[in-house]
């Protein structure tokens, strides 16, 4: 799809995943054992034929840069395509100034030099599969100025509270964009995904910059609803928005269910990620695994139930892990009982510990920590 280039935006200042985000941006979060969250938007673009992709990052870029590398593992055309990591070097200590518009303005010369007439913009903190080539064709055929992707939900009172919603008319025209305040259960959650002409995108950046140093892309698009033809397109299938700690935990746990996973993973629409050559997981005599996702390179001697286990973990004899998300290279020692937890990379929980949290408020064990 040479008609468009891609932009993957970093999470806004209104989004905060306590604990995990201290060490890496949301796009670099481990997801379902073997992926990173950013694998999903990049794979969507690669599968859609978009091979010029800009990835914006504001803080803690090391893990994201290491994971992305040259982008070859995303099946991006090595001669024509390019995966470009762009930094916001002049970010302010006051987060109100650290907007997506500020990042775009800092790199406006790179955006203006892109040869493709259209741009597809997607977030780095949402997990879904979507064909952007079909979305672009829908946009062009409609004659709209901007097309926005949304997902209809019936649990907006208790979920997606840090997301924007679209207010649509009967013709799916966007009348306004506003924050989800939890006032109604049925909402059209804006997936922070846009399709528009590159020139219009550049104009909106300059317009927003003149209006306010605090304005964001959704806000300038909302302010333009009266003068531009902005339309919504519904998304079907799996959708998760990682905007806080609980939503990260819930998204991982939800995909243990095979039917739910099948609504995201499709052999015809592969999700690419950086791989390694570690050996298959070894299950020792006495190990018991129920309804779990276990990555390669692990040693499992204890009990794992309804959990996600990352690469290279060691669950020792007598240990019980339930309803938990265990990131890579974690060691759970003998007779440990772990329940409703997210355990960050390289942590070690020593013999005989019992760590149980409320299912509605899962616990977090820090990276490299020893308990």
Protein backbone atom coordinates (compact mmCIF):
# COMPACT_ATOMS: atom_id res chain seq x y z
CA UNK A 1 0.00 0.00 0.00
CA UNK A 2 2.38 2.67 -1.30
CA UNK A 3 -0.36 5.30 -0.99
CA UNK A 4 0.22 5.73 2.75
CA UNK A 5 2.96 5.82 5.33
CA UNK A 6 2.42 4.90 8.96
CA UNK A 7 2.87 6.70 12.25
CA UNK A 8 2.74 4.94 15.62
CA UNK A 9 2.24 7.42 18.42
CA UNK A 10 3.45 7.14 21.99
CA UNK A 11 0.96 7.04 24.84
CA UNK A 12 -0.37 10.34 26.10
CA UNK A 13 0.25 11.89 29.50
CA UNK A 14 -3.25 10.79 30.62
CA UNK A 15 -2.16 7.15 30.37
CA UNK A 16 -0.09 5.63 33.15
CA UNK A 17 0.68 1.98 33.89
CA UNK A 18 2.17 2.03 37.36
CA UNK A 19 5.27 -0.11 37.91
CA UNK A 20 5.86 -1.44 34.42
CA UNK A 21 6.11 1.99 32.80
CA UNK A 22 8.92 2.94 35.13
CA UNK A 23 11.27 0.78 33.06
CA UNK A 24 9.97 1.03 29.48
CA UNK A 25 7.32 2.70 27.27
CA UNK A 26 3.99 0.90 26.90
CA UNK A 27 4.88 -0.23 23.38
CA UNK A 28 7.75 -2.26 24.84
CA UNK A 29 5.59 -4.07 27.41
CA UNK A 30 5.74 -7.84 27.23
CA UNK A 31 2.39 -9.19 26.06
CA UNK A 32 1.08 -12.74 26.23
CA UNK A 33 4.53 -14.12 26.96
CA UNK A 34 6.24 -13.68 23.61
CA UNK A 35 5.05 -10.40 22.06
CA UNK A 36 5.47 -6.71 22.78
CA UNK A 37 2.46 -4.41 22.61
CA UNK A 38 3.96 -2.47 19.69
CA UNK A 39 4.12 -5.66 17.60
CA UNK A 40 0.40 -5.35 16.92
CA UNK A 41 0.24 -1.91 15.24
CA UNK A 42 3.46 -2.55 13.30
CA UNK A 43 2.19 -5.96 12.12
CA UNK A 44 -1.11 -4.37 11.07
CA UNK A 45 0.81 -1.87 8.97
CA UNK A 46 3.20 -4.44 7.51
CA UNK A 47 0.35 -6.82 6.60
CA UNK A 48 -1.48 -3.88 5.02
CA UNK A 49 1.46 -3.09 2.74
CA UNK A 50 2.68 -0.04 4.65
CA UNK A 51 6.47 -0.25 4.62
CA UNK A 52 7.44 3.27 5.74
CA UNK A 53 6.66 3.50 9.44
CA UNK A 54 7.58 6.16 12.01
CA UNK A 55 7.55 5.12 15.68
CA UNK A 56 7.49 7.95 18.23
CA UNK A 57 8.93 7.48 21.71
CA UNK A 58 9.35 9.97 24.53
CA UNK A 59 10.93 8.22 27.50
CA UNK A 60 12.95 5.10 28.32
CA UNK A 61 13.64 4.20 24.67
CA UNK A 62 16.29 1.51 25.17
CA UNK A 63 14.10 -1.58 25.39
CA UNK A 64 11.91 -0.42 22.52
CA UNK A 65 14.91 0.37 20.31
CA UNK A 66 16.44 -3.04 21.06
CA UNK A 67 13.20 -4.82 20.22
CA UNK A 68 12.53 -2.95 16.97
CA UNK A 69 16.08 -3.16 15.62
CA UNK A 70 16.06 -2.64 11.86
CA UNK A 71 12.46 -3.84 11.59
CA UNK A 72 13.37 -6.84 9.42
CA UNK A 73 11.39 -9.24 11.63
CA UNK A 74 8.21 -7.31 10.75
CA UNK A 75 8.49 -8.39 7.10
CA UNK A 76 9.07 -4.81 5.96
CA UNK A 77 10.54 -4.51 2.46
CA UNK A 78 14.29 -4.24 3.07
CA UNK A 79 15.00 -2.11 -0.03
CA UNK A 80 12.00 0.17 -0.17
CA UNK A 81 10.73 0.12 3.41
CA UNK A 82 11.97 1.65 6.62
CA UNK A 83 11.10 1.52 10.30
CA UNK A 84 12.19 4.79 11.87
CA UNK A 85 12.37 5.50 15.60
CA UNK A 86 11.80 9.19 16.35
CA UNK A 87 12.48 10.83 19.69
CA UNK A 88 11.04 13.84 21.42
CA UNK A 89 14.30 15.32 22.59
CA UNK A 90 12.93 18.64 23.81
CA UNK A 91 10.24 17.24 26.07
CA UNK A 92 9.27 19.47 28.96
CA UNK A 93 9.40 18.57 32.63
CA UNK A 94 5.79 19.72 32.78
CA UNK A 95 3.77 16.94 31.15
CA UNK A 96 1.05 19.30 29.90
CA UNK A 97 3.45 20.31 27.11
CA UNK A 98 4.38 16.73 26.17
CA UNK A 99 1.63 16.20 23.60
CA UNK A 100 1.56 14.22 20.39
CA UNK A 101 1.37 17.52 18.49
CA UNK A 102 4.64 18.61 20.15
CA UNK A 103 6.31 15.38 18.99
CA UNK A 104 5.02 15.80 15.44
CA UNK A 105 6.11 19.42 15.35
CA UNK A 106 9.60 18.43 16.46
CA UNK A 107 9.82 16.04 13.50
CA UNK A 108 7.71 18.01 11.02
CA UNK A 109 10.46 18.10 8.39
CA UNK A 110 10.56 14.28 8.31
CA UNK A 111 6.77 14.09 7.95
CA UNK A 112 6.72 16.67 5.16
CA UNK A 113 9.39 14.76 3.20
CA UNK A 114 7.30 11.59 3.02
CA UNK A 115 6.28 10.89 -0.60
CA UNK A 116 3.05 9.02 0.17
CA UNK A 117 -0.10 11.17 -0.14
CA UNK A 118 -1.87 9.57 2.86
CA UNK A 119 -0.96 8.79 6.45
CA UNK A 120 -2.30 6.09 8.80
CA UNK A 121 -1.82 6.93 12.48
CA UNK A 122 -2.18 4.26 15.19
CA UNK A 123 -1.39 4.15 18.93
CA UNK A 124 1.28 2.08 20.66
CA UNK A 125 -0.95 1.09 23.59
CA UNK A 126 -3.91 -0.61 21.91
CA UNK A 127 -4.04 -4.27 20.90
CA UNK A 128 -6.14 -5.22 17.88
CA UNK A 129 -5.90 -6.55 14.33
CA UNK A 130 -7.08 -4.37 11.44
CA UNK A 131 -6.55 -4.16 7.69
CA UNK A 132 -5.42 -0.60 7.08
CA UNK A 133 -5.44 -1.06 3.31
CA UNK A 134 -9.20 -1.71 3.44
CA UNK A 135 -9.63 1.23 5.82
CA UNK A 136 -7.73 3.49 3.41
CA UNK A 137 -9.86 2.39 0.45
CA UNK A 138 -13.01 3.04 2.49
CA UNK A 139 -11.65 6.49 3.33
CA UNK A 140 -10.87 7.35 -0.29
CA UNK A 141 -14.19 6.07 -1.62
CA UNK A 142 -16.15 8.01 0.99
CA UNK A 143 -14.53 11.31 0.08
CA UNK A 144 -14.10 12.10 3.79
CA UNK A 145 -11.36 14.40 5.04
CA UNK A 146 -10.55 12.17 8.02
CA UNK A 147 -11.60 8.62 8.89
CA UNK A 148 -11.45 7.42 12.50
CA UNK A 149 -11.56 3.82 13.71
CA UNK A 150 -13.76 2.98 16.70
CA UNK A 151 -14.91 -0.06 18.67
CA UNK A 152 -18.39 -0.28 20.19
CA UNK A 153 -18.46 -1.58 23.78
CA UNK A 154 -21.14 -2.16 26.41
CA UNK A 155 -18.91 -1.83 29.50
CA UNK A 156 -17.76 1.77 29.20
CA UNK A 157 -18.96 2.59 32.71
CA UNK A 158 -16.21 0.52 34.32
CA UNK A 159 -13.66 0.13 31.48
CA UNK A 160 -11.86 2.32 28.93
CA UNK A 161 -12.07 5.28 31.33
CA UNK A 162 -8.88 6.88 30.02
CA UNK A 163 -9.97 6.61 26.40
CA UNK A 164 -11.78 9.00 24.07
CA UNK A 165 -15.21 8.25 22.63
CA UNK A 166 -16.80 9.22 19.32
CA UNK A 167 -20.25 10.75 19.16
CA UNK A 168 -21.67 9.75 15.77
CA UNK A 169 -24.71 10.74 13.76
CA UNK A 170 -26.85 8.22 11.87
CA UNK A 171 -24.56 8.42 8.84
CA UNK A 172 -21.51 7.55 10.97
CA UNK A 173 -20.31 11.12 10.77
CA UNK A 174 -18.26 12.21 13.79
CA UNK A 175 -19.99 15.02 15.64
CA UNK A 176 -17.48 15.24 18.48
CA UNK A 177 -14.68 13.50 20.38
CA UNK A 178 -14.77 13.51 24.17
CA UNK A 179 -13.34 11.67 27.16
CA UNK A 180 -15.10 8.60 28.46
CA UNK A 181 -16.34 9.68 31.90
CA UNK A 182 -18.06 6.39 32.70
CA UNK A 183 -21.53 7.94 32.41
CA UNK A 184 -22.95 5.33 30.00
CA UNK A 185 -22.24 1.66 29.33
CA UNK A 186 -22.65 1.74 25.53
CA UNK A 187 -19.98 3.85 23.89
CA UNK A 188 -17.97 4.04 20.67
CA UNK A 189 -14.40 3.90 21.95
CA UNK A 190 -12.06 5.86 19.70
CA UNK A 191 -9.11 3.63 18.82
CA UNK A 192 -6.76 6.60 18.28
CA UNK A 193 -6.46 5.46 14.67
CA UNK A 194 -6.72 8.03 11.85
CA UNK A 195 -6.57 8.04 8.06
CA UNK A 196 -6.14 11.33 6.22
CA UNK A 197 -4.10 13.05 3.57
CA UNK A 198 -0.56 13.92 4.61
CA UNK A 199 -1.07 17.58 3.68
CA UNK A 200 -4.16 17.83 5.90
CA UNK A 201 -2.23 16.19 8.74
CA UNK A 202 0.55 18.77 8.41
CA UNK A 203 -2.01 21.58 8.33
CA UNK A 204 -3.64 20.27 11.52
CA UNK A 205 -0.26 20.16 13.27
CA UNK A 206 0.44 23.80 12.42
CA UNK A 207 -3.11 24.84 13.29
CA UNK A 208 -2.92 23.12 16.66
CA UNK A 209 0.44 24.66 17.45
CA UNK A 210 -0.97 28.15 16.86
CA UNK A 211 -3.99 27.47 19.07
CA UNK A 212 -2.21 26.13 22.18
CA UNK A 213 0.97 24.44 23.36
CA UNK A 214 -1.16 21.95 25.28
CA UNK A 215 -3.46 20.79 22.47
CA UNK A 216 -3.45 17.17 21.28
CA UNK A 217 -4.32 15.56 17.96
CA UNK A 218 -7.75 14.30 19.13
CA UNK A 219 -8.52 17.81 20.41
CA UNK A 220 -7.63 19.57 17.15
CA UNK A 221 -9.62 16.97 15.18
CA UNK A 222 -12.57 17.52 17.54
CA UNK A 223 -12.27 21.28 17.02
CA UNK A 224 -12.40 20.67 13.26
CA UNK A 225 -15.59 18.56 13.27
CA UNK A 226 -17.69 21.51 12.14
CA UNK A 227 -15.56 22.35 9.11
CA UNK A 228 -14.20 18.95 8.00
CA UNK A 229 -15.95 15.77 6.85
CA UNK A 230 -14.89 13.34 9.59
CA UNK A 231 -16.33 9.82 9.57
CA UNK A 232 -16.15 6.79 11.81
CA UNK A 233 -15.56 3.18 10.76
CA UNK A 234 -16.43 0.35 13.15
CA UNK A 235 -13.85 -2.25 14.12
CA UNK A 236 -14.80 -5.88 14.74
CA UNK A 237 -12.84 -8.49 16.65
CA UNK A 238 -10.61 -8.38 19.70
CA UNK A 239 -9.76 -4.97 21.16
CA UNK A 240 -7.85 -4.00 24.30
CA UNK A 241 -6.62 -0.62 25.44
CA UNK A 242 -3.70 -0.67 27.88
CA UNK A 243 -4.19 2.56 29.77
CA UNK A 244 -3.54 1.46 33.36
CA UNK A 245 -2.19 -1.49 35.32
CA UNK A 246 -5.48 -3.36 35.58
CA UNK A 247 -6.18 -3.12 31.84
CA UNK A 248 -2.73 -4.58 31.12
CA UNK A 249 -3.38 -7.49 33.45
CA UNK A 250 -6.90 -8.07 32.09
CA UNK A 251 -5.77 -7.99 28.45
CA UNK A 252 -3.17 -10.72 29.06
CA UNK A 253 -5.49 -12.93 31.10
CA UNK A 254 -8.37 -12.57 28.63
CA UNK A 255 -6.31 -14.07 25.79
CA UNK A 256 -5.71 -17.32 27.67
CA UNK A 257 -9.20 -18.28 26.44
CA UNK A 258 -8.75 -19.88 23.01
CA UNK A 259 -11.95 -18.42 21.54
CA UNK A 260 -10.94 -14.93 22.58
CA UNK A 261 -7.43 -15.47 21.19
CA UNK A 262 -8.85 -16.62 17.85
CA UNK A 263 -10.58 -13.25 17.47
CA UNK A 264 -7.13 -11.60 17.50
CA UNK A 265 -4.74 -14.14 16.01
CA UNK A 266 -5.32 -15.26 12.43
CA UNK A 267 -2.86 -17.37 10.39
CA UNK A 268 -3.66 -15.14 7.41
CA UNK A 269 -2.79 -12.04 9.44
CA UNK A 270 0.43 -12.88 11.33
CA UNK A 271 1.61 -10.86 14.32
CA UNK A 272 5.36 -10.48 13.94
CA UNK A 273 7.83 -10.17 16.80
CA UNK A 274 11.52 -10.52 17.53
CA UNK A 275 12.26 -14.20 18.10
CA UNK A 276 15.10 -16.08 19.75
CA UNK A 277 16.45 -19.60 19.48
CA UNK A 278 15.78 -20.81 23.01
CA UNK A 279 14.85 -24.43 23.55
CA UNK A 280 11.28 -25.70 24.10
CA UNK A 281 9.85 -25.52 27.60
CA UNK A 282 10.60 -28.55 29.78
CA UNK A 283 7.82 -29.98 31.96
CA UNK A 284 9.15 -32.09 34.80
CA UNK A 285 7.49 -35.00 36.57
CA UNK A 286 4.91 -33.62 39.00
CA UNK A 287 4.32 -30.40 37.03
CA UNK A 288 0.68 -29.46 36.56
CA UNK A 289 -0.45 -26.94 33.94
CA UNK A 290 -4.07 -25.80 33.56
CA UNK A 291 -5.50 -23.27 31.13
CA UNK A 292 -2.28 -21.28 30.70
CA UNK A 293 -0.02 -19.76 28.05
CA UNK A 294 3.59 -20.85 28.55
CA UNK A 295 6.39 -19.45 26.38
CA UNK A 296 9.50 -21.28 25.23
CA UNK A 297 12.67 -21.75 27.25
CA UNK A 298 10.93 -22.32 30.61
CA UNK A 299 11.47 -24.97 33.28
CA UNK A 300 8.18 -25.98 34.89
CA UNK A 301 8.30 -28.19 37.99
CA UNK A 302 5.34 -26.76 39.95
CA UNK A 303 1.70 -25.84 39.28
CA UNK A 304 0.59 -23.16 36.83
CA UNK A 305 -3.09 -22.29 36.49
CA UNK A 306 -4.83 -19.63 34.40
CA UNK A 307 -1.59 -17.70 33.93
CA UNK A 308 0.74 -16.27 31.29
CA UNK A 309 4.38 -17.34 31.62
CA UNK A 310 7.06 -15.45 29.69
CA UNK A 311 10.24 -16.80 28.14
CA UNK A 312 12.94 -18.40 30.25
CA UNK A 313 11.03 -18.61 33.52
CA UNK A 314 11.66 -21.28 36.16
CA UNK A 315 8.72 -22.45 38.25
CA UNK A 316 10.31 -24.72 40.84
CA UNK A 317 8.93 -27.80 42.60
CA UNK A 318 6.00 -27.13 44.91
CA UNK A 319 5.43 -23.59 43.59
CA UNK A 320 1.86 -22.60 42.69
CA UNK A 321 1.17 -19.77 40.22
CA UNK A 322 -2.48 -18.80 39.67
CA UNK A 323 -4.15 -15.99 37.72
CA UNK A 324 -0.82 -14.25 37.18
CA UNK A 325 1.27 -12.70 34.42
CA UNK A 326 4.92 -13.69 34.76
CA UNK A 327 7.41 -11.81 32.59
CA UNK A 328 10.61 -13.28 31.15
CA UNK A 329 13.45 -14.82 33.16
CA UNK A 330 11.59 -14.86 36.46
CA UNK A 331 12.35 -17.51 39.10
CA UNK A 332 9.56 -18.77 41.37
CA UNK A 333 11.22 -20.89 44.05
CA UNK A 334 10.05 -23.95 45.98
CA UNK A 335 6.70 -23.83 47.79
CA UNK A 336 5.88 -20.26 46.73
CA UNK A 337 2.15 -19.49 46.33
CA UNK A 338 1.55 -16.66 43.87
CA UNK A 339 -1.91 -15.44 42.96
CA UNK A 340 -3.29 -12.43 41.02
CA UNK A 341 0.14 -10.91 40.37
CA UNK A 342 2.18 -9.32 37.60
CA UNK A 343 5.83 -10.26 38.10
CA UNK A 344 8.32 -8.17 36.13
CA UNK A 345 11.43 -9.50 34.37
CA UNK A 346 14.36 -11.04 36.26
CA UNK A 347 12.49 -11.07 39.59
CA UNK A 348 13.09 -13.90 42.05
CA UNK A 349 10.60 -15.02 44.70
CA UNK A 350 12.34 -17.11 47.31
CA UNK A 351 11.25 -20.29 49.03
CA UNK A 352 7.96 -20.48 50.94
CA UNK A 353 6.58 -17.03 50.14
CA UNK A 354 2.81 -16.52 49.86
CA UNK A 355 1.82 -13.47 47.80
CA UNK A 356 -1.91 -13.16 47.07
CA UNK A 357 -3.75 -10.05 45.86
CA UNK A 358 -7.39 -9.14 45.32
CA UNK A 359 -8.42 -10.20 41.77
CA UNK A 360 -9.79 -6.68 41.20
CA UNK A 361 -6.50 -5.12 42.31
CA UNK A 362 -3.68 -7.39 41.09
CA UNK A 363 -0.28 -6.98 42.69
CA UNK A 364 3.00 -5.98 41.06
CA UNK A 365 6.48 -7.34 41.79
CA UNK A 366 9.22 -5.08 40.47
CA UNK A 367 11.84 -5.85 37.90
CA UNK A 368 15.03 -7.49 39.29
CA UNK A 369 13.43 -7.62 42.74
CA UNK A 370 14.07 -10.42 45.23
CA UNK A 371 11.28 -11.30 47.63
